Amino acid sequence: MTTEVRVPTLGESVTEATVATWFKKPGDAVAVDEMLCELETDKVTVEVPAPAAGVMGEIVAAEGETVGVNALLATITAGQGAAPAPAAAPAAAPAASGGGSVDVMVPTLGESVTEATVSTWFKAVGDTVAQDEMLCELETDKVSVEVPAPAAGVLAEITAAEGATVDATAKLGVISSSGAVAAAPAAVAAPAASGKDVANAPSAEKAMAEAGISAAAVTGTGRDGRIMKDDVARAVAAGATAPAPAAAVPTPAAQTPRAPVSADDASREERVKMTRLRQTIARRLKDSQNTAAMLTTYNEVDMTEVMALRNQYKGEFEKKHGVRLGFMSFFTKACCHALKEVPEVNAEIDGTDIVYKNFVHMGVAAGTPTGLVVPVIRDADSMSFAAIEKAIGEKGRRARDGKLSMAEMQGGTFTISNGGVYGSLMSSPILNPPQSGILGMHKIQDRPMAINGEVVIRPMMYLALSYDHRIVDGKGAVTFLVRVKEALEDPRRLLMDL
């Protein structure tokens, strides 16, 4: 029997790739999920695992050839020479893929997510499991992923212990339908972080040669520490220079050494490892500060008309649409209206180009027990008040339950952050890259205002727009906030498109 090896999905808007390196040649024995070749796209390097065990047959796409999605790369012929991957378990343990055994693999993690951390195993070696019963939970940069049992049986082996970092094609464990258990489950440990089993990406080698920097000055983020093209670009941007063997790239902790702590204080401290989500939040926010020319402008809005309109129709609205009428739909509508007039706030920078979006995918920042996430409401500019309220409510609930998928948090063009729900009176929100604008809402507070020569009490809210000054000028930022203010102080303007 012959199995075809084809180009996997490369990601949104990516239609072709270049075959960079073949790790196998015709006649070589291959194991299922063993790495066969590496493809390079404009953005990332994609590894292609073997879909089945057997003997490497014909290589259809040679190194350097450009191929499209689903194109045929090679063939694998079923044969006796199939050998396990080099990192297989010791001979004392039964074969993971033998008869009566089913491998537990990392499920699909989402676009651009290449690795995860095993956070919790719900089952131990020797436990009986039912099909689709939860075995373990993985933690990625954005979401938690539950791994169900692919078959009923006994958990015979755990190949990725809690705390181990695994890639998108890794094996997590083995389920035995016969009840056999691996001889030495205690020997299971996370793979060593050092020692690359393959060379750096060819494009990375070329980029390092062109930039005149050595591999020692670049931190690799690929499989087993392999250096990718993006890693070289980051090193060049950070000012890495030619060889500095003794100067490894410092970790965030090493960059800011901790002050000495007395023994008495240390005994009363608690040290908890940051989750992958919190590490990603920290990295992305710092990257945002380092990359964008961020500036914030402020205004205030009189919420009298919005509150009156909401109070007048909230009962009928909920009765007809089955969802409460809140303030977020008004702000979403007002922002979509303003973004049409000031499109650069809804744009992003790509190299030396400005990419204008003729749509609004609205990110709505939501606090969860594990950290801040930003689910995206796609095409919010074409949605009704009811549709917006339903989308915000549904995504907010799923965010709190940790059930959001990666796809639901990607592609946003503008973000709204409502610190007012926590009592914030004023703040400067930070950009969510690559977006160029974010609106900060705050608490509604009664304040004395001068209206037509008289002092009256009005429900006021401060608004803050943080924007990327590289493409948004002060005039555009102020105009955006003024249009939002006008639309909220006279909601009829939204109906008239004024």
Protein backbone atom coordinates (compact mmCIF):
# COMPACT_ATOMS: atom_id res chain seq x y z
CA MET A 1 0.00 0.00 0.00
CA THR A 2 1.25 3.50 -0.86
CA THR A 3 0.57 6.61 1.26
CA GLU A 4 0.85 10.08 -0.22
CA VAL A 5 2.70 12.87 1.61
CA ARG A 6 1.07 16.20 0.79
CA VAL A 7 1.59 19.87 1.68
CA PRO A 8 -0.37 20.65 4.89
CA THR A 9 -2.48 23.76 5.46
CA LEU A 10 -0.03 26.67 5.53
CA GLY A 11 -2.17 29.29 7.27
CA GLU A 12 -4.57 32.04 6.38
CA SER A 13 -3.79 33.72 3.02
CA VAL A 14 -0.64 31.59 2.50
CA THR A 15 -0.98 29.64 -0.76
CA GLU A 16 2.51 28.30 -1.50
CA ALA A 17 5.78 27.28 0.09
CA THR A 18 9.31 26.27 -0.86
CA VAL A 19 10.74 22.84 -0.04
CA ALA A 20 13.74 23.75 2.13
CA THR A 21 15.17 20.46 3.41
CA TRP A 22 14.47 16.74 3.05
CA PHE A 23 15.48 14.77 6.16
CA LYS A 24 14.83 11.41 4.44
CA LYS A 25 15.79 9.94 1.07
CA PRO A 26 14.16 7.19 -1.03
CA GLY A 27 14.61 3.80 0.59
CA ASP A 28 14.88 5.13 4.16
CA ALA A 29 12.65 3.58 6.82
CA VAL A 30 10.26 6.07 8.43
CA ALA A 31 8.00 5.92 11.46
CA VAL A 32 4.62 7.55 11.72
CA ASP A 33 4.95 11.27 12.62
CA GLU A 34 8.70 11.23 11.98
CA MET A 35 9.80 14.48 10.33
CA LEU A 36 10.23 14.05 6.58
CA CYS A 37 10.90 17.55 5.28
CA GLU A 38 10.68 21.24 6.02
CA LEU A 39 8.77 23.84 3.99
CA GLU A 40 9.32 27.59 4.10
CA THR A 41 6.62 30.22 3.57
CA ASP A 42 6.85 34.00 3.67
CA LYS A 43 6.27 33.98 7.42
CA VAL A 44 7.05 30.62 9.00
CA THR A 45 8.77 27.30 8.53
CA VAL A 46 6.46 24.26 8.41
CA GLU A 47 7.59 20.74 9.25
CA VAL A 48 5.93 17.84 7.43
CA PRO A 49 5.56 14.61 9.48
CA ALA A 50 5.12 11.14 8.02
CA PRO A 51 1.40 10.27 7.82
CA ALA A 52 2.23 6.56 8.08
CA ALA A 53 5.09 4.18 8.81
CA GLY A 54 6.91 2.42 5.98
CA VAL A 55 9.70 2.99 3.49
CA MET A 56 10.34 6.33 1.79
CA GLY A 57 9.34 6.02 -1.85
CA GLU A 58 9.55 8.68 -4.53
CA ILE A 59 10.33 12.31 -3.68
CA VAL A 60 8.14 14.30 -6.06
CA ALA A 61 9.07 17.85 -4.93
CA ALA A 62 12.81 18.38 -4.65
CA GLU A 63 14.56 20.89 -2.39
CA GLY A 64 14.15 24.43 -3.68
CA GLU A 65 10.91 23.65 -5.51
CA THR A 66 7.83 25.83 -4.92
CA VAL A 67 4.64 23.93 -4.10
CA GLY A 68 1.02 24.83 -3.41
CA VAL A 69 -1.31 23.72 -0.61
CA ASN A 70 -2.12 19.98 -0.82
CA ALA A 71 0.52 19.40 -3.51
CA LEU A 72 2.09 15.94 -3.60
CA LEU A 73 5.53 15.92 -1.94
CA ALA A 74 6.42 12.24 -1.82
CA THR A 75 5.12 8.72 -1.27
CA ILE A 76 5.60 6.17 1.51
CA THR A 77 5.36 2.45 0.77
CA ALA A 78 4.30 0.05 3.49
CA GLY A 79 7.13 -2.38 4.15
CA GLN A 80 9.04 -4.45 6.70
CA GLY A 81 11.82 -1.90 6.99
CA ALA A 82 9.76 0.63 8.92
CA ALA A 83 11.75 1.73 11.94
CA PRO A 84 10.71 3.78 14.96
CA ALA A 85 11.74 7.41 15.24
CA PRO A 86 15.27 7.98 16.67
CA ALA A 87 13.83 9.23 19.96
CA ALA A 88 11.74 6.09 20.59
CA ALA A 89 11.44 4.55 24.03
CA PRO A 90 14.11 2.04 25.22
CA ALA A 91 13.83 -1.55 24.07
CA ALA A 92 12.51 -2.57 27.51
CA ALA A 93 9.25 -0.78 26.81
CA PRO A 94 6.65 -2.20 24.41
CA ALA A 95 6.31 -0.47 21.04
CA ALA A 96 3.93 2.44 21.28
CA SER A 97 2.34 1.80 17.91
CA GLY A 98 2.18 -2.00 18.14
CA GLY A 99 -0.96 -4.09 17.85
CA GLY A 100 -3.62 -3.21 20.38
CA SER A 101 -2.12 0.21 21.14
CA VAL A 102 -3.27 3.68 20.17
CA ASP A 103 -1.06 6.76 20.37
CA VAL A 104 -2.42 9.89 22.07
CA MET A 105 -1.28 12.80 19.92
CA VAL A 106 -1.37 16.58 20.39
CA PRO A 107 -4.63 17.81 18.84
CA THR A 108 -4.85 20.73 16.41
CA LEU A 109 -3.69 23.79 18.35
CA GLY A 110 -4.77 26.52 15.93
CA GLU A 111 -3.20 28.65 13.24
CA SER A 112 0.39 29.77 13.97
CA VAL A 113 0.50 27.83 17.30
CA THR A 114 3.43 25.44 17.13
CA GLU A 115 3.81 24.21 20.70
CA ALA A 116 2.03 23.79 24.02
CA THR A 117 2.82 22.92 27.63
CA VAL A 118 1.32 19.86 29.32
CA SER A 119 -0.38 21.44 32.32
CA THR A 120 -2.35 18.58 33.93
CA TRP A 121 -2.77 14.83 33.50
CA PHE A 122 -6.17 13.65 34.73
CA LYS A 123 -5.19 9.99 34.39
CA ALA A 124 -2.19 8.02 35.62
CA VAL A 125 -0.40 5.09 33.98
CA GLY A 126 -2.47 1.97 34.57
CA ASP A 127 -5.81 3.80 34.77
CA THR A 128 -8.72 2.55 32.70
CA VAL A 129 -10.05 5.15 30.24
CA ALA A 130 -13.19 5.36 28.13
CA GLN A 131 -13.21 6.73 24.60
CA ASP A 132 -13.44 10.56 24.58
CA GLU A 133 -12.72 10.73 28.32
CA MET A 134 -10.43 13.68 29.17
CA LEU A 135 -6.83 12.52 29.57
CA CYS A 136 -4.90 15.74 29.99
CA GLU A 137 -4.95 19.48 29.41
CA LEU A 138 -2.48 21.47 27.33
CA GLU A 139 -1.78 25.15 27.71
CA THR A 140 -0.88 27.30 24.69
CA ASP A 141 -0.12 31.00 24.41
CA LYS A 142 -3.81 31.82 24.32
CA VAL A 143 -6.10 28.93 25.24
CA SER A 144 -6.26 25.67 27.15
CA VAL A 145 -6.81 22.55 25.04
CA GLU A 146 -8.34 19.39 26.45
CA VAL A 147 -7.11 16.09 25.05
CA PRO A 148 -9.72 13.30 24.91
CA ALA A 149 -8.91 9.59 24.73
CA PRO A 150 -8.91 8.45 21.08
CA ALA A 151 -9.96 4.94 22.17
CA ALA A 152 -11.02 2.94 25.22
CA GLY A 153 -8.45 0.89 27.13
CA VAL A 154 -5.71 1.35 29.72
CA LEU A 155 -3.30 4.28 29.80
CA ALA A 156 -0.12 2.31 29.22
CA GLU A 157 2.44 5.09 28.94
CA ILE A 158 2.80 8.86 29.40
CA THR A 159 5.46 10.19 27.05
CA ALA A 160 5.04 13.89 27.89
CA ALA A 161 4.96 14.61 31.60
CA GLU A 162 3.35 17.64 33.26
CA GLY A 163 5.40 20.73 32.53
CA ALA A 164 6.84 19.33 29.29
CA THR A 165 6.72 21.50 26.18
CA VAL A 166 5.47 19.61 23.14
CA ASP A 167 5.16 20.56 19.49
CA ALA A 168 2.03 20.29 17.35
CA THR A 169 2.87 16.76 16.14
CA ALA A 170 4.11 15.23 19.41
CA LYS A 171 2.93 12.05 21.08
CA LEU A 172 1.55 12.48 24.60
CA GLY A 173 0.93 8.90 25.64
CA VAL A 174 -0.20 5.41 24.65
CA ILE A 175 -3.50 3.63 25.30
CA SER A 176 -3.39 -0.17 25.31
CA SER A 177 -6.57 -2.07 24.50
CA SER A 178 -4.98 -5.22 25.97
CA GLY A 179 -4.21 -3.59 29.30
CA ALA A 180 -0.41 -3.86 28.92
CA VAL A 181 1.54 -1.11 30.69
CA ALA A 182 4.99 0.21 29.74
CA ALA A 183 7.76 -1.35 31.82
CA ALA A 184 9.32 1.93 32.87
CA PRO A 185 6.80 4.77 32.92
CA ALA A 186 8.86 6.61 35.52
CA ALA A 187 11.58 7.17 32.94
CA VAL A 188 9.31 9.46 30.95
CA ALA A 189 10.53 13.02 30.95
CA ALA A 190 10.37 16.15 28.87
CA PRO A 191 12.72 16.10 25.89
CA ALA A 192 16.03 17.80 26.46
CA ALA A 193 15.99 21.37 25.30
CA SER A 194 19.54 21.19 24.06
CA GLY A 195 21.02 19.39 21.12
CA LYS A 196 19.39 20.02 17.76
CA ASP A 197 18.48 16.89 15.82
CA VAL A 198 18.43 18.80 12.51
CA ALA A 199 20.14 21.87 11.13
CA ASN A 200 18.83 25.42 11.26
CA ALA A 201 16.36 26.49 8.57
CA PRO A 202 18.22 27.20 5.29
CA SER A 203 16.62 30.63 5.05
CA ALA A 204 17.92 31.39 8.55
CA GLU A 205 21.46 30.35 7.60
CA LYS A 206 21.27 32.62 4.55
CA ALA A 207 19.87 35.52 6.60
CA MET A 208 22.64 35.14 9.24
CA ALA A 209 25.29 35.15 6.54
CA GLU A 210 23.84 38.27 4.94
CA ALA A 211 23.53 40.05 8.30
CA GLY A 212 27.01 38.99 9.44
CA ILE A 213 25.87 37.45 12.73
CA SER A 214 26.59 34.04 14.20
CA ALA A 215 24.14 31.43 15.41
CA ALA A 216 25.36 32.07 18.97
CA ALA A 217 23.80 35.54 18.81
CA VAL A 218 20.36 34.23 17.81
CA THR A 219 17.79 32.48 19.99
CA GLY A 220 16.06 29.70 18.05
CA THR A 221 12.33 29.18 18.52
CA GLY A 222 11.93 26.23 16.16
CA ARG A 223 11.80 22.55 17.00
CA ASP A 224 14.65 21.57 19.37
CA GLY A 225 15.96 25.14 19.31
CA ARG A 226 16.33 25.31 15.53
CA ILE A 227 16.92 28.86 14.33
CA MET A 228 14.21 30.17 11.98
CA LYS A 229 14.24 33.12 9.58
CA ASP A 230 12.08 35.21 11.97
CA ASP A 231 14.57 34.58 14.82
CA VAL A 232 17.36 36.11 12.73
CA ALA A 233 15.21 39.14 11.90
CA ARG A 234 14.51 39.68 15.60
CA ALA A 235 18.20 39.38 16.46
CA VAL A 236 19.15 41.90 13.75
CA ALA A 237 16.44 44.30 14.96
CA ALA A 238 17.76 43.98 18.52
CA GLY A 239 21.23 44.97 17.35
CA ALA A 240 22.90 41.57 17.45
CA THR A 241 26.44 41.73 16.05
CA ALA A 242 28.97 39.17 14.80
CA PRO A 243 30.24 36.52 17.00
CA ALA A 244 29.83 36.93 20.72
CA PRO A 245 30.05 33.36 22.02
CA ALA A 246 30.00 34.38 25.66
CA ALA A 247 26.94 36.60 25.30
CA ALA A 248 23.92 34.36 25.14
CA VAL A 249 20.60 36.18 24.77
CA PRO A 250 19.42 36.91 28.32
CA THR A 251 16.05 35.84 29.59
CA PRO A 252 13.63 38.49 30.89
CA ALA A 253 14.53 37.45 34.42
CA ALA A 254 18.23 37.89 33.71
CA GLN A 255 17.66 41.36 32.28
CA THR A 256 16.12 42.55 35.55
CA PRO A 257 17.90 40.78 38.42
CA ARG A 258 15.87 40.46 41.57
CA ALA A 259 16.84 42.53 44.59
CA PRO A 260 18.20 40.60 47.60
CA VAL A 261 15.51 39.30 49.96
CA SER A 262 16.05 38.63 53.64
CA ALA A 263 15.65 35.08 54.91
CA ASP A 264 12.67 36.13 57.02
CA ASP A 265 10.86 37.61 54.01
CA ALA A 266 11.79 34.71 51.75
CA SER A 267 10.14 32.23 54.11
CA ARG A 268 6.84 34.08 53.71
CA GLU A 269 6.93 34.34 49.90
CA GLU A 270 5.27 32.07 47.39
CA ARG A 271 6.83 31.46 43.99
CA VAL A 272 4.52 30.39 41.16
CA LYS A 273 5.64 29.79 37.57
CA MET A 274 3.98 32.13 35.07
CA THR A 275 1.47 30.42 32.82
CA ARG A 276 2.12 30.43 29.08
CA LEU A 277 -0.80 32.84 28.70
CA ARG A 278 0.70 35.30 31.20
CA GLN A 279 4.14 34.99 29.58
CA THR A 280 2.60 35.73 26.19
CA ILE A 281 0.67 38.73 27.54
CA ALA A 282 3.88 40.11 29.05
CA ARG A 283 5.89 39.56 25.88
CA ARG A 284 3.26 41.00 23.52
CA LEU A 285 2.67 44.10 25.64
CA LYS A 286 6.40 44.78 25.85
CA ASP A 287 6.77 44.19 22.11
CA SER A 288 3.95 46.67 21.57
CA GLN A 289 5.83 49.33 23.54
CA ASN A 290 9.09 48.60 21.76
CA THR A 291 7.62 48.54 18.25
CA ALA A 292 4.84 51.12 17.97
CA ALA A 293 5.17 54.88 18.44
CA MET A 294 2.33 54.77 20.95
CA LEU A 295 0.50 57.89 22.05
CA THR A 296 -2.79 58.42 23.89
CA THR A 297 -5.36 61.18 23.46
CA TYR A 298 -8.33 61.77 25.76
CA ASN A 299 -11.86 63.15 25.66
CA GLU A 300 -15.03 62.82 27.69
CA VAL A 301 -18.56 61.92 26.74
CA ASP A 302 -21.91 62.84 28.27
CA MET A 303 -23.77 59.53 28.60
CA THR A 304 -27.20 61.13 29.24
CA GLU A 305 -28.75 60.30 25.84
CA VAL A 306 -27.39 56.76 25.64
CA MET A 307 -28.60 55.99 29.17
CA ALA A 308 -32.04 57.47 28.46
CA LEU A 309 -32.36 55.48 25.20
CA ARG A 310 -31.25 52.30 26.94
CA ASN A 311 -33.69 52.78 29.83
CA GLN A 312 -36.55 53.49 27.42
CA TYR A 313 -36.09 50.40 25.26
CA LYS A 314 -34.20 47.82 27.36
CA GLY A 315 -37.37 45.91 28.30
CA GLU A 316 -38.66 45.62 24.74
CA PHE A 317 -35.17 44.90 23.43
CA GLU A 318 -34.62 41.98 25.80
CA LYS A 319 -38.12 40.62 25.17
CA LYS A 320 -37.63 40.61 21.38
CA HIS A 321 -33.98 39.63 21.07
CA GLY A 322 -33.42 37.56 24.23
CA VAL A 323 -30.38 39.57 25.28
CA ARG A 324 -29.89 42.64 27.47
CA LEU A 325 -29.15 45.99 25.88
CA GLY A 326 -25.82 47.18 27.28
CA PHE A 327 -23.44 50.02 26.54
CA MET A 328 -20.94 47.96 24.52
CA SER A 329 -23.16 47.81 21.43
CA PHE A 330 -23.41 51.62 21.42
CA PHE A 331 -19.64 51.99 21.70
CA THR A 332 -19.02 49.32 19.05
CA LYS A 333 -21.39 51.04 16.65
CA ALA A 334 -19.88 54.47 17.40
CA CYS A 335 -16.34 53.16 16.79
CA CYS A 336 -17.30 51.48 13.52
CA HIS A 337 -18.89 54.77 12.43
CA ALA A 338 -15.76 56.76 13.33
CA LEU A 339 -13.38 54.25 11.71
CA LYS A 340 -15.05 54.84 8.35
CA GLU A 341 -14.06 58.50 8.55
CA VAL A 342 -10.58 57.86 9.96
CA PRO A 343 -9.55 54.55 8.29
CA GLU A 344 -5.91 54.76 9.38
CA VAL A 345 -6.97 53.94 12.96
CA ASN A 346 -8.30 50.65 11.54
CA ALA A 347 -5.14 49.95 9.50
CA GLU A 348 -1.84 48.23 10.21
CA ILE A 349 1.78 48.50 9.10
CA ASP A 350 3.33 45.70 7.04
CA GLY A 351 6.96 46.56 6.36
CA THR A 352 6.85 49.80 4.38
CA ASP A 353 3.17 49.37 3.44
CA ILE A 354 0.02 50.53 5.20
CA VAL A 355 -2.77 47.94 4.98
CA TYR A 356 -6.21 49.56 5.13
CA LYS A 357 -9.07 47.28 6.20
CA ASN A 358 -12.42 47.80 4.50
CA PHE A 359 -14.12 45.97 7.37
CA VAL A 360 -14.06 46.08 11.15
CA HIS A 361 -13.19 42.98 13.16
CA MET A 362 -13.74 44.36 16.65
CA GLY A 363 -11.64 42.97 19.50
CA VAL A 364 -13.36 43.19 22.88
CA ALA A 365 -10.89 42.81 25.76
CA ALA A 366 -12.17 40.50 28.48
CA GLY A 367 -10.66 39.71 31.86
CA THR A 368 -10.62 36.03 32.84
CA PRO A 369 -9.31 34.17 35.91
CA THR A 370 -6.18 33.26 33.93
CA GLY A 371 -5.52 36.63 32.29
CA LEU A 372 -6.65 39.06 29.62
CA VAL A 373 -7.96 37.71 26.32
CA VAL A 374 -9.36 39.58 23.33
CA PRO A 375 -12.09 37.67 21.43
CA VAL A 376 -12.86 39.16 18.01
CA ILE A 377 -16.30 40.00 16.66
CA ARG A 378 -15.89 39.69 12.92
CA ASP A 379 -17.57 42.22 10.58
CA ALA A 380 -18.95 44.17 13.51
CA ASP A 381 -19.57 47.13 11.17
CA SER A 382 -22.35 45.18 9.42
CA MET A 383 -24.03 43.85 12.59
CA SER A 384 -27.13 45.09 14.39
CA PHE A 385 -27.21 46.18 18.05
CA ALA A 386 -28.79 42.83 18.98
CA ALA A 387 -26.22 40.78 17.05
CA ILE A 388 -23.38 42.68 18.70
CA GLU A 389 -24.81 42.20 22.20
CA LYS A 390 -25.32 38.48 21.57
CA ALA A 391 -21.78 38.05 20.22
CA ILE A 392 -20.21 39.95 23.13
CA GLY A 393 -22.20 37.98 25.70
CA GLU A 394 -21.49 34.60 24.14
CA LYS A 395 -17.77 35.20 23.62
CA GLY A 396 -17.43 36.70 27.10
CA ARG A 397 -18.90 33.58 28.70
CA ARG A 398 -16.67 31.28 26.67
CA ALA A 399 -13.64 33.42 27.50
CA ARG A 400 -14.30 33.07 31.23
CA ASP A 401 -14.71 29.29 30.79
CA GLY A 402 -11.48 29.04 28.78
CA LYS A 403 -13.34 27.66 25.76
CA LEU A 404 -12.31 30.22 23.13
CA SER A 405 -10.49 28.86 20.09
CA MET A 406 -7.40 30.49 18.60
CA ALA A 407 -9.40 31.47 15.50
CA GLU A 408 -11.77 33.51 17.66
CA MET A 409 -8.89 35.64 18.95
CA GLN A 410 -7.16 36.36 15.65
CA GLY A 411 -7.65 38.92 12.91
CA GLY A 412 -8.89 41.87 14.98
CA THR A 413 -8.48 45.31 13.38
CA PHE A 414 -9.42 47.53 16.37
CA THR A 415 -9.99 46.89 20.08
CA ILE A 416 -12.27 48.23 22.83
CA SER A 417 -11.20 47.79 26.45
CA ASN A 418 -13.70 48.54 29.21
CA GLY A 419 -11.83 49.22 32.44
CA GLY A 420 -14.94 50.93 33.77
CA VAL A 421 -16.43 47.61 34.85
CA TYR A 422 -13.64 47.43 37.46
CA GLY A 423 -14.07 51.06 38.53
CA SER A 424 -11.30 52.66 36.47
CA LEU A 425 -11.78 56.42 36.09
CA MET A 426 -8.87 57.05 33.69
CA SER A 427 -6.19 54.93 32.03
CA SER A 428 -3.99 54.67 28.93
CA PRO A 429 -4.74 51.37 27.15
CA ILE A 430 -1.86 49.64 25.39
CA LEU A 431 -2.04 48.66 21.72
CA ASN A 432 -2.82 45.10 20.68
CA PRO A 433 -0.30 44.62 17.81
CA PRO A 434 -0.46 44.77 14.84
CA GLN A 435 -3.50 46.99 15.39
CA SER A 436 -3.03 50.76 15.32
CA GLY A 437 -5.77 51.80 17.72
CA ILE A 438 -7.51 50.83 20.96
CA LEU A 439 -10.32 52.66 22.77
CA GLY A 440 -10.38 52.68 26.56
CA MET A 441 -13.78 53.03 28.27
CA HIS A 442 -14.06 54.01 31.92
CA LYS A 443 -16.61 54.28 34.71
CA ILE A 444 -19.61 56.57 34.39
CA GLN A 445 -19.47 59.21 37.13
CA ASP A 446 -21.85 62.08 37.90
CA ARG A 447 -19.93 65.35 37.57
CA PRO A 448 -20.91 69.04 37.54
CA MET A 449 -20.82 70.34 33.97
CA ALA A 450 -21.38 73.83 32.55
CA ILE A 451 -24.27 73.54 30.05
CA ASN A 452 -25.66 76.71 28.42
CA GLY A 453 -24.24 78.86 31.19
CA GLU A 454 -25.64 76.69 33.99
CA VAL A 455 -23.98 74.09 36.20
CA VAL A 456 -25.80 70.76 35.91
CA ILE A 457 -24.98 67.22 37.04
CA ARG A 458 -24.34 64.86 34.12
CA PRO A 459 -23.21 61.20 33.88
CA MET A 460 -19.76 61.56 32.31
CA MET A 461 -17.21 59.05 31.05
CA TYR A 462 -13.58 59.65 30.13
CA LEU A 463 -12.47 58.09 26.84
CA ALA A 464 -8.88 57.28 25.90
CA LEU A 465 -7.60 56.40 22.44
CA SER A 466 -4.12 54.91 22.24
CA TYR A 467 -2.80 54.90 18.69
CA ASP A 468 0.29 54.19 16.64
CA HIS A 469 1.70 57.59 15.74
CA ARG A 470 3.66 56.05 12.86
CA ILE A 471 0.51 56.00 10.71
CA VAL A 472 -2.08 57.91 12.76
CA ASP A 473 -1.52 61.65 13.11
CA GLY A 474 -2.81 63.67 16.05
CA LYS A 475 -5.52 65.19 13.87
CA GLY A 476 -6.85 61.76 12.91
CA ALA A 477 -6.80 60.49 16.49
CA VAL A 478 -8.62 63.54 17.85
CA THR A 479 -11.15 63.42 14.99
CA PHE A 480 -11.85 59.75 15.76
CA LEU A 481 -12.55 60.47 19.43
CA VAL A 482 -14.73 63.48 18.58
CA ARG A 483 -16.83 61.36 16.19
CA VAL A 484 -17.27 58.69 18.88
CA LYS A 485 -18.26 61.39 21.38
CA GLU A 486 -20.77 62.96 18.94
CA ALA A 487 -22.36 59.61 18.12
CA LEU A 488 -22.81 58.71 21.80
CA GLU A 489 -24.10 62.12 22.87
CA ASP A 490 -26.65 62.06 20.03
CA PRO A 491 -27.27 58.38 19.07
CA ARG A 492 -29.59 59.50 16.27
CA ARG A 493 -26.45 60.39 14.30
CA LEU A 494 -25.73 56.65 13.97
CA LEU A 495 -29.08 56.16 12.22
CA MET A 496 -28.50 59.12 9.94
CA ASP A 497 -24.85 58.10 9.25
CA LEU A 498 -23.65 61.56 10.27
